[in-house]
Amino acid sequence: MSAEMISIGALGVMFVVATLLPINIGILAFIGAFVVGTSSLGLTEDEIFEGFPVSLFVTIVGVTYLFSVAQRNGTIDLLVRVGIKLVRGKATLVPWVLFGVAAVLTAFGTFTPAAVALLVPVGMNFAYRYGISQLMIGMMVISGAHAGAFSPIAVSGALVLGMVGHTPLAVSPLALFLASFGFNFLLSALTFLLLRRRTPEAAREPMAEGEESAADPDVTWRQGLTLVALAGLVVGALVFHLEIGFLALAAGAVLALVDMKNQAKAVEGISWSTILLVAGMVTYVEILEKAGTIETISHGAAGMGAPLFVALLLCLVVAVVSAFASSTAILTAIIPIAVPLLLASHLSAVGLVAALAISTTIVDTSPFSTNGALVLSNARGVDRERFYKQIIGYTAGIVGIGPILAWSFLVVPASL
């Protein structure tokens, strides 16, 4: 059996095992990189570790550490309170506030599941109390988290831009961010219009004018310093093009030093599971490239003719698979496959990359994903089985329509 077949077979086994069993696919990817690299390709350990994403590792450690510090000193809660205060008694605006807060959190480096885990309990309790659709709230929080997830200083954005940066392709960070934000905003608008009716199983308590905004949130000097640090991170990364990971680590360290008592365990908030997943998958993708698997698959896709059709097929495939598996892992695997297709065709690089990124992440509403599971587990006063079916139905609609729309809006216009 050829090394190409062995490497792709091993990747398939990883996804199946990680989907069915509670084991991080990054662990399996590291094991696979070692086994396939040594037994099938004859690589040394040093050659296997050449694929380890050092820069991306530092970036994810830095931004998730800074988020952990900001959460522990109350800055994240402050943002939520300020957002709720802005609705001034208008309960129907709360979903949009949560969408905006989620987008801000992920755009500044919060990993998507962390932002959803923080905001979904707040949103679902609010929806239950005031008779708003909990399905709408949950889905809009997830969409908001993905809306900001592809900023240049976000985890997912850094991942995609880092992988594309090692190729001859040019993808504008701003275009990638705006494409994701705009698509998720439109998806949330549609969700809001379809699901905004009040729900019979929820409490019908009217929201008093000014009830949620009577008191101005108190801002401590540490929270103010944290907001300045976040702004500095954006300026340093986008204006002066400084390394995001080092900036975030420096900002987090300074904030920890001025609040040592509360920040002693801030390092525990680093998203180690995400780091393990991304580092393992990127390392294994390098093994796929060394085995020639990526080139073979890409040339096979390009050989099918009609690049626009192949692009649509890729968007549909990643959406279906990502509904049951890790979207980050799928994204890590699909970008290298798309690169040769883009180089050999007239397709827009930013259009296809953005469409793949959107198609991979918007289906995280699935109850089989972390985000969808958080919505299901935090629902209050509902028939669980019925609510589960509602989430499944919503996700099925996203899987069926989302990739086609992403392809239609982002790939087709730029390729005609």
Protein backbone atom coordinates (compact mmCIF):
# COMPACT_ATOMS: atom_id res chain seq x y z
CA MET A 1 0.00 0.00 0.00
CA SER A 2 1.36 3.43 -0.93
CA ALA A 3 2.27 6.06 1.64
CA GLU A 4 -0.47 8.28 0.24
CA MET A 5 -3.17 5.70 0.92
CA ILE A 6 -1.80 4.95 4.38
CA SER A 7 -1.69 8.63 5.34
CA ILE A 8 -5.23 9.39 4.16
CA GLY A 9 -6.55 6.18 5.73
CA ALA A 10 -4.95 7.11 9.04
CA LEU A 11 -6.58 10.56 8.84
CA GLY A 12 -9.98 8.97 8.31
CA VAL A 13 -9.48 6.69 11.31
CA MET A 14 -8.54 9.72 13.44
CA PHE A 15 -11.78 11.54 12.61
CA VAL A 16 -13.91 8.47 13.25
CA VAL A 17 -12.25 7.70 16.60
CA ALA A 18 -12.29 11.34 17.76
CA THR A 19 -15.97 11.64 16.80
CA LEU A 20 -17.09 8.46 18.55
CA LEU A 21 -14.78 8.57 21.57
CA PRO A 22 -13.87 11.37 24.02
CA ILE A 23 -10.28 11.77 22.84
CA ASN A 24 -8.69 14.90 21.41
CA ILE A 25 -7.93 14.45 17.73
CA GLY A 26 -4.68 16.34 18.25
CA ILE A 27 -3.33 13.43 20.29
CA LEU A 28 -4.24 11.02 17.51
CA ALA A 29 -2.68 13.36 14.94
CA PHE A 30 0.65 13.45 16.79
CA ILE A 31 0.63 9.66 17.04
CA GLY A 32 -0.31 9.38 13.38
CA ALA A 33 2.44 11.80 12.36
CA PHE A 34 5.03 9.69 14.17
CA VAL A 35 3.77 6.30 12.97
CA VAL A 36 3.16 7.27 9.34
CA GLY A 37 6.23 9.48 9.18
CA THR A 38 8.64 6.85 10.45
CA SER A 39 7.15 3.64 9.06
CA SER A 40 5.88 4.78 5.66
CA LEU A 41 8.05 7.78 4.81
CA GLY A 42 11.25 6.97 6.67
CA LEU A 43 11.37 10.40 8.29
CA THR A 44 13.46 11.24 11.32
CA GLU A 45 11.92 12.78 14.42
CA ASP A 46 13.42 16.16 13.53
CA GLU A 47 11.82 16.00 10.09
CA ILE A 48 8.45 15.13 11.64
CA PHE A 49 8.66 18.09 14.02
CA GLU A 50 9.34 20.46 11.12
CA GLY A 51 5.58 20.65 10.71
CA PHE A 52 4.92 21.79 14.29
CA PRO A 53 3.31 25.28 14.09
CA VAL A 54 5.47 27.25 16.52
CA SER A 55 4.10 30.69 15.62
CA LEU A 56 0.49 29.52 15.80
CA PHE A 57 1.21 27.80 19.12
CA VAL A 58 2.45 31.08 20.63
CA THR A 59 -0.51 32.98 19.19
CA ILE A 60 -3.15 30.67 20.66
CA VAL A 61 -1.38 30.50 24.03
CA GLY A 62 -1.10 34.28 24.14
CA VAL A 63 -4.63 35.25 23.16
CA THR A 64 -6.34 32.60 25.30
CA TYR A 65 -4.15 33.54 28.28
CA LEU A 66 -5.07 37.20 27.88
CA PHE A 67 -8.76 36.23 27.68
CA SER A 68 -8.38 34.17 30.86
CA VAL A 69 -6.91 37.16 32.67
CA ALA A 70 -9.69 39.42 31.37
CA GLN A 71 -12.33 36.95 32.52
CA ARG A 72 -10.85 36.64 36.01
CA ASN A 73 -10.69 40.39 36.60
CA GLY A 74 -14.30 40.85 35.50
CA THR A 75 -13.69 42.63 32.18
CA ILE A 76 -15.70 40.07 30.21
CA ASP A 77 -18.63 40.32 32.62
CA LEU A 78 -18.36 44.10 32.30
CA LEU A 79 -18.77 43.88 28.53
CA VAL A 80 -21.85 41.69 28.95
CA ARG A 81 -23.41 44.08 31.50
CA VAL A 82 -22.74 47.09 29.31
CA GLY A 83 -24.32 45.30 26.38
CA ILE A 84 -27.46 44.39 28.33
CA LYS A 85 -27.67 47.96 29.64
CA LEU A 86 -27.81 49.28 26.09
CA VAL A 87 -31.16 47.61 25.38
CA ARG A 88 -32.94 49.97 27.83
CA GLY A 89 -35.85 47.67 28.53
CA LYS A 90 -36.25 46.35 24.99
CA ALA A 91 -36.07 42.59 25.45
CA THR A 92 -36.13 41.90 21.70
CA LEU A 93 -32.77 43.67 21.34
CA VAL A 94 -31.02 41.30 23.74
CA PRO A 95 -30.27 38.68 21.05
CA TRP A 96 -28.44 41.34 19.05
CA VAL A 97 -26.52 42.50 22.11
CA LEU A 98 -25.40 38.94 22.75
CA PHE A 99 -24.48 38.57 19.06
CA GLY A 100 -22.36 41.72 19.28
CA VAL A 101 -20.66 40.79 22.55
CA ALA A 102 -19.87 37.31 21.23
CA ALA A 103 -18.37 38.82 18.07
CA VAL A 104 -16.23 41.23 20.09
CA LEU A 105 -14.97 38.47 22.38
CA THR A 106 -13.92 36.15 19.57
CA ALA A 107 -12.51 38.98 17.46
CA PHE A 108 -10.17 39.81 20.32
CA GLY A 109 -8.93 36.26 20.65
CA THR A 110 -11.47 34.32 22.69
CA PHE A 111 -11.85 30.81 21.31
CA THR A 112 -15.38 30.34 19.96
CA PRO A 113 -16.56 27.62 22.40
CA ALA A 114 -15.29 29.70 25.32
CA ALA A 115 -17.33 32.73 24.22
CA VAL A 116 -20.41 30.56 23.68
CA ALA A 117 -19.96 28.90 27.08
CA LEU A 118 -19.83 32.32 28.70
CA LEU A 119 -22.83 33.88 26.96
CA VAL A 120 -25.27 31.03 26.36
CA PRO A 121 -26.24 30.60 30.04
CA VAL A 122 -26.88 34.35 30.29
CA GLY A 123 -28.89 34.40 27.08
CA MET A 124 -30.93 31.26 27.74
CA ASN A 125 -31.91 32.40 31.23
CA PHE A 126 -32.92 35.77 29.87
CA ALA A 127 -34.96 34.15 27.09
CA TYR A 128 -36.75 31.87 29.54
CA ARG A 129 -37.56 34.74 31.86
CA TYR A 130 -39.00 37.04 29.22
CA GLY A 131 -40.60 34.56 26.84
CA ILE A 132 -38.11 34.88 23.99
CA SER A 133 -37.26 31.90 21.80
CA GLN A 134 -34.36 30.08 23.42
CA LEU A 135 -33.50 28.49 20.08
CA MET A 136 -33.13 31.93 18.54
CA ILE A 137 -30.94 33.18 21.39
CA GLY A 138 -28.67 30.14 21.31
CA MET A 139 -28.22 30.17 17.55
CA MET A 140 -27.53 33.91 17.46
CA VAL A 141 -24.88 33.61 20.16
CA ILE A 142 -23.13 30.94 18.10
CA SER A 143 -23.40 33.04 14.94
CA GLY A 144 -22.04 36.05 16.81
CA ALA A 145 -19.08 34.03 18.02
CA HIS A 146 -18.30 32.94 14.46
CA ALA A 147 -18.84 36.47 13.14
CA GLY A 148 -15.73 37.65 14.96
CA ALA A 149 -13.80 34.39 14.80
CA PHE A 150 -11.83 35.22 11.66
CA SER A 151 -10.33 38.53 12.68
CA PRO A 152 -6.53 38.63 12.28
CA ILE A 153 -6.05 38.37 16.05
CA ALA A 154 -8.62 35.61 16.59
CA VAL A 155 -7.67 31.96 16.96
CA SER A 156 -9.43 30.77 13.80
CA GLY A 157 -8.35 33.81 11.82
CA ALA A 158 -4.72 33.32 12.81
CA LEU A 159 -4.96 29.65 11.89
CA VAL A 160 -6.32 30.26 8.38
CA LEU A 161 -4.09 33.24 7.62
CA GLY A 162 -1.06 31.38 8.95
CA MET A 163 -1.67 28.39 6.69
CA VAL A 164 -2.33 30.54 3.63
CA GLY A 165 0.69 32.69 4.45
CA HIS A 166 3.00 29.78 3.65
CA THR A 167 1.64 29.63 0.08
CA PRO A 168 1.90 31.94 -2.96
CA LEU A 169 -1.71 32.98 -2.40
CA ALA A 170 -2.66 36.39 -1.03
CA VAL A 171 -5.70 36.59 1.23
CA SER A 172 -6.63 39.93 2.78
CA PRO A 173 -7.15 39.57 6.56
CA LEU A 174 -9.78 42.33 6.47
CA ALA A 175 -11.66 40.69 3.60
CA LEU A 176 -11.71 37.34 5.40
CA PHE A 177 -13.02 38.96 8.59
CA LEU A 178 -15.68 41.03 6.83
CA ALA A 179 -16.87 38.04 4.79
CA SER A 180 -17.37 35.94 7.91
CA PHE A 181 -18.93 38.78 9.88
CA GLY A 182 -21.30 39.76 7.09
CA PHE A 183 -22.45 36.21 6.40
CA ASN A 184 -23.08 35.44 10.07
CA PHE A 185 -24.87 38.76 10.51
CA LEU A 186 -27.23 37.91 7.64
CA LEU A 187 -27.72 34.41 9.07
CA SER A 188 -28.61 35.92 12.45
CA ALA A 189 -31.00 38.39 10.84
CA LEU A 190 -32.81 35.51 9.13
CA THR A 191 -32.83 33.52 12.38
CA PHE A 192 -34.24 36.51 14.24
CA LEU A 193 -37.03 37.02 11.72
CA LEU A 194 -38.04 33.36 11.71
CA LEU A 195 -37.78 32.62 15.45
CA ARG A 196 -38.49 35.88 17.25
CA ARG A 197 -42.00 34.89 18.32
CA ARG A 198 -42.57 34.42 22.05
CA THR A 199 -42.58 30.84 23.24
CA PRO A 200 -45.52 29.32 25.16
CA GLU A 201 -43.32 27.23 27.47
CA ALA A 202 -41.38 30.26 28.74
CA ALA A 203 -42.38 32.63 31.48
CA ARG A 204 -44.30 35.66 30.24
CA GLU A 205 -42.71 38.22 32.50
CA PRO A 206 -42.61 41.67 30.91
CA MET A 207 -39.34 43.50 31.04
CA ALA A 208 -39.70 46.75 32.90
CA GLU A 209 -38.32 49.86 31.26
CA GLY A 210 -34.83 50.42 32.56
CA GLU A 211 -34.89 47.24 34.66
CA GLU A 212 -31.65 45.94 33.20
CA SER A 213 -30.07 49.36 32.90
CA ALA A 214 -30.82 51.10 36.15
CA ALA A 215 -27.31 50.95 37.49
CA ASP A 216 -24.22 51.90 35.54
CA PRO A 217 -21.66 49.10 35.61
CA ASP A 218 -18.72 50.00 37.84
CA VAL A 219 -15.38 49.87 36.06
CA THR A 220 -12.35 49.10 38.21
CA TRP A 221 -8.92 50.40 37.29
CA ARG A 222 -7.80 46.86 36.48
CA GLN A 223 -10.70 46.45 34.05
CA GLY A 224 -9.87 49.80 32.49
CA LEU A 225 -6.26 48.71 32.10
CA THR A 226 -7.47 45.47 30.50
CA LEU A 227 -9.55 47.38 27.95
CA VAL A 228 -6.50 49.54 27.15
CA ALA A 229 -4.42 46.37 26.74
CA LEU A 230 -6.97 44.88 24.32
CA ALA A 231 -6.97 48.09 22.29
CA GLY A 232 -3.16 48.06 22.31
CA LEU A 233 -3.19 44.49 21.05
CA VAL A 234 -5.30 45.50 18.06
CA VAL A 235 -3.15 48.53 17.25
CA GLY A 236 0.12 46.67 17.68
CA ALA A 237 -0.96 43.73 15.55
CA LEU A 238 -2.84 45.54 12.78
CA VAL A 239 -1.00 48.87 12.56
CA PHE A 240 2.57 47.96 13.51
CA HIS A 241 2.37 44.30 12.42
CA LEU A 242 3.86 43.01 15.66
CA GLU A 243 3.60 39.34 16.62
CA ILE A 244 0.14 38.83 18.12
CA GLY A 245 1.12 35.99 20.44
CA PHE A 246 3.97 37.87 22.09
CA LEU A 247 1.87 41.02 22.45
CA ALA A 248 -0.93 39.06 24.11
CA LEU A 249 1.47 37.27 26.46
CA ALA A 250 3.08 40.58 27.42
CA ALA A 251 -0.29 42.22 28.06
CA GLY A 252 -1.51 39.24 30.06
CA ALA A 253 1.67 39.16 32.13
CA VAL A 254 1.39 42.88 32.98
CA LEU A 255 -2.26 42.50 33.98
CA ALA A 256 -1.42 39.45 36.08
CA LEU A 257 1.40 41.28 37.88
CA VAL A 258 -0.96 44.07 39.00
CA ASP A 259 -3.50 41.51 40.26
CA MET A 260 -1.36 38.58 41.41
CA LYS A 261 -3.83 37.30 44.00
CA ASN A 262 -6.67 36.75 41.51
CA GLN A 263 -4.51 35.84 38.52
CA ALA A 264 -2.38 33.13 40.10
CA LYS A 265 -4.27 30.45 38.18
CA ALA A 266 -4.94 32.41 34.99
CA VAL A 267 -2.69 30.03 33.06
CA GLU A 268 -5.33 27.33 33.61
CA GLY A 269 -7.62 29.30 31.32
CA ILE A 270 -5.33 28.76 28.32
CA SER A 271 -7.18 26.65 25.78
CA TRP A 272 -4.83 23.69 25.95
CA SER A 273 -7.29 21.35 24.24
CA THR A 274 -7.48 23.71 21.27
CA ILE A 275 -3.71 24.07 21.17
CA LEU A 276 -3.32 20.30 21.20
CA LEU A 277 -5.88 19.88 18.43
CA VAL A 278 -4.43 22.56 16.16
CA ALA A 279 -0.77 21.67 16.74
CA GLY A 280 -1.41 17.98 16.18
CA MET A 281 -3.47 18.48 13.04
CA VAL A 282 -1.06 20.99 11.47
CA THR A 283 1.83 18.64 12.19
CA TYR A 284 -0.03 15.77 10.54
CA VAL A 285 -0.97 17.90 7.53
CA GLU A 286 2.75 18.42 6.98
CA ILE A 287 3.10 14.62 6.92
CA LEU A 288 0.34 14.49 4.30
CA GLU A 289 2.26 17.02 2.23
CA LYS A 290 5.52 15.08 2.55
CA ALA A 291 3.69 11.92 1.47
CA GLY A 292 2.30 13.72 -1.58
CA THR A 293 -1.28 13.13 -0.40
CA ILE A 294 -2.33 16.78 -0.53
CA GLU A 295 -0.94 17.19 -4.03
CA THR A 296 -2.65 14.01 -5.25
CA ILE A 297 -6.06 14.95 -3.81
CA SER A 298 -5.79 18.52 -5.05
CA HIS A 299 -4.80 17.51 -8.57
CA GLY A 300 -7.61 14.96 -8.54
CA ALA A 301 -10.08 17.70 -7.60
CA ALA A 302 -8.66 20.04 -10.21
CA GLY A 303 -8.78 17.24 -12.78
CA MET A 304 -12.54 16.98 -12.36
CA GLY A 305 -12.80 20.18 -14.37
CA ALA A 306 -15.24 23.01 -13.66
CA PRO A 307 -13.36 24.62 -10.72
CA LEU A 308 -16.55 26.37 -9.61
CA PHE A 309 -18.28 23.02 -9.18
CA VAL A 310 -15.30 21.60 -7.27
CA ALA A 311 -15.36 24.64 -4.98
CA LEU A 312 -19.06 24.06 -4.27
CA LEU A 313 -18.41 20.38 -3.61
CA LEU A 314 -15.65 21.24 -1.11
CA CYS A 315 -17.96 23.67 0.72
CA LEU A 316 -20.73 21.07 0.97
CA VAL A 317 -18.39 18.28 2.11
CA VAL A 318 -16.75 20.31 4.89
CA ALA A 319 -20.17 21.47 6.13
CA VAL A 320 -21.53 17.93 6.40
CA VAL A 321 -18.40 16.53 8.05
CA SER A 322 -17.96 19.49 10.41
CA ALA A 323 -21.49 19.02 11.76
CA PHE A 324 -20.22 15.82 13.38
CA ALA A 325 -16.50 16.54 13.83
CA SER A 326 -14.23 19.36 14.98
CA SER A 327 -14.57 22.39 12.72
CA THR A 328 -11.02 23.48 13.57
CA ALA A 329 -9.64 20.11 12.53
CA ILE A 330 -11.66 20.13 9.30
CA LEU A 331 -10.49 23.65 8.51
CA THR A 332 -6.88 22.65 9.12
CA ALA A 333 -7.21 19.75 6.69
CA ILE A 334 -9.18 21.46 3.90
CA ILE A 335 -7.14 24.65 3.37
CA PRO A 336 -4.02 22.83 2.04
CA ILE A 337 -6.25 20.83 -0.32
CA ALA A 338 -7.81 24.02 -1.71
CA VAL A 339 -4.48 25.76 -2.36
CA PRO A 340 -3.46 23.84 -5.54
CA LEU A 341 -7.00 24.22 -6.89
CA LEU A 342 -6.73 27.98 -6.45
CA LEU A 343 -3.27 28.12 -8.02
CA ALA A 344 -4.45 26.16 -11.06
CA SER A 345 -7.69 28.07 -11.65
CA HIS A 346 -9.14 31.56 -11.87
CA LEU A 347 -11.04 31.19 -8.59
CA SER A 348 -10.73 34.00 -6.06
CA ALA A 349 -8.41 32.97 -3.24
CA VAL A 350 -10.07 35.08 -0.58
CA GLY A 351 -13.52 34.08 -1.86
CA LEU A 352 -12.93 30.32 -1.65
CA VAL A 353 -10.97 30.48 1.61
CA ALA A 354 -13.71 32.57 3.20
CA ALA A 355 -16.44 30.28 1.83
CA LEU A 356 -14.67 27.21 3.22
CA ALA A 357 -14.14 28.91 6.58
CA ILE A 358 -17.81 29.87 6.78
CA SER A 359 -19.10 26.49 5.57
CA THR A 360 -16.95 24.71 8.16
CA THR A 361 -18.01 26.82 11.15
CA ILE A 362 -21.66 27.80 10.67
CA VAL A 363 -22.73 24.17 11.24
CA ASP A 364 -21.36 24.26 14.80
CA THR A 365 -24.98 24.73 15.84
CA SER A 366 -25.19 20.93 15.68
CA PRO A 367 -25.89 19.28 19.07
CA PHE A 368 -22.93 17.01 18.26
CA SER A 369 -20.60 20.01 18.44
CA THR A 370 -19.48 21.83 21.58
CA ASN A 371 -21.44 24.98 20.77
CA GLY A 372 -24.70 23.21 19.96
CA ALA A 373 -24.36 20.99 23.01
CA LEU A 374 -23.96 24.09 25.21
CA VAL A 375 -27.23 25.50 23.87
CA LEU A 376 -29.05 22.21 24.43
CA SER A 377 -27.71 21.74 27.96
CA ASN A 378 -28.60 25.28 29.06
CA ALA A 379 -32.20 25.30 27.80
CA ARG A 380 -34.77 25.93 30.54
CA GLY A 381 -38.42 24.96 30.81
CA VAL A 382 -38.52 23.16 27.47
CA ASP A 383 -39.23 19.64 26.27
CA ARG A 384 -35.64 18.40 25.82
CA GLU A 385 -36.47 15.95 23.08
CA ARG A 386 -38.45 18.55 21.15
CA PHE A 387 -35.74 21.18 21.63
CA TYR A 388 -33.11 18.68 20.47
CA LYS A 389 -35.11 18.05 17.29
CA GLN A 390 -35.45 21.79 16.74
CA ILE A 391 -31.66 22.20 16.90
CA ILE A 392 -31.24 19.25 14.52
CA GLY A 393 -33.75 20.81 12.10
CA TYR A 394 -32.06 24.20 12.28
CA THR A 395 -28.64 22.65 11.67
CA ALA A 396 -29.95 20.56 8.77
CA GLY A 397 -31.16 23.77 7.14
CA ILE A 398 -27.77 25.39 7.67
CA VAL A 399 -25.94 22.38 6.23
CA GLY A 400 -28.20 22.30 3.19
CA ILE A 401 -28.34 26.01 2.41
CA GLY A 402 -25.34 27.68 4.11
CA PRO A 403 -22.50 26.31 1.92
CA ILE A 404 -24.47 27.04 -1.27
CA LEU A 405 -25.06 30.64 -0.20
CA ALA A 406 -21.42 31.09 0.88
CA TRP A 407 -20.30 29.75 -2.50
CA SER A 408 -22.84 31.91 -4.37
CA PHE A 409 -21.92 35.13 -2.54
CA LEU A 410 -18.16 34.72 -2.20
CA VAL A 411 -16.85 32.39 -4.88
CA VAL A 412 -19.07 32.85 -7.93
CA PRO A 413 -19.10 36.69 -8.26
CA ALA A 414 -15.30 36.97 -7.98
CA SER A 415 -14.75 34.20 -10.50
CA LEU A 416 -16.95 35.38 -13.37
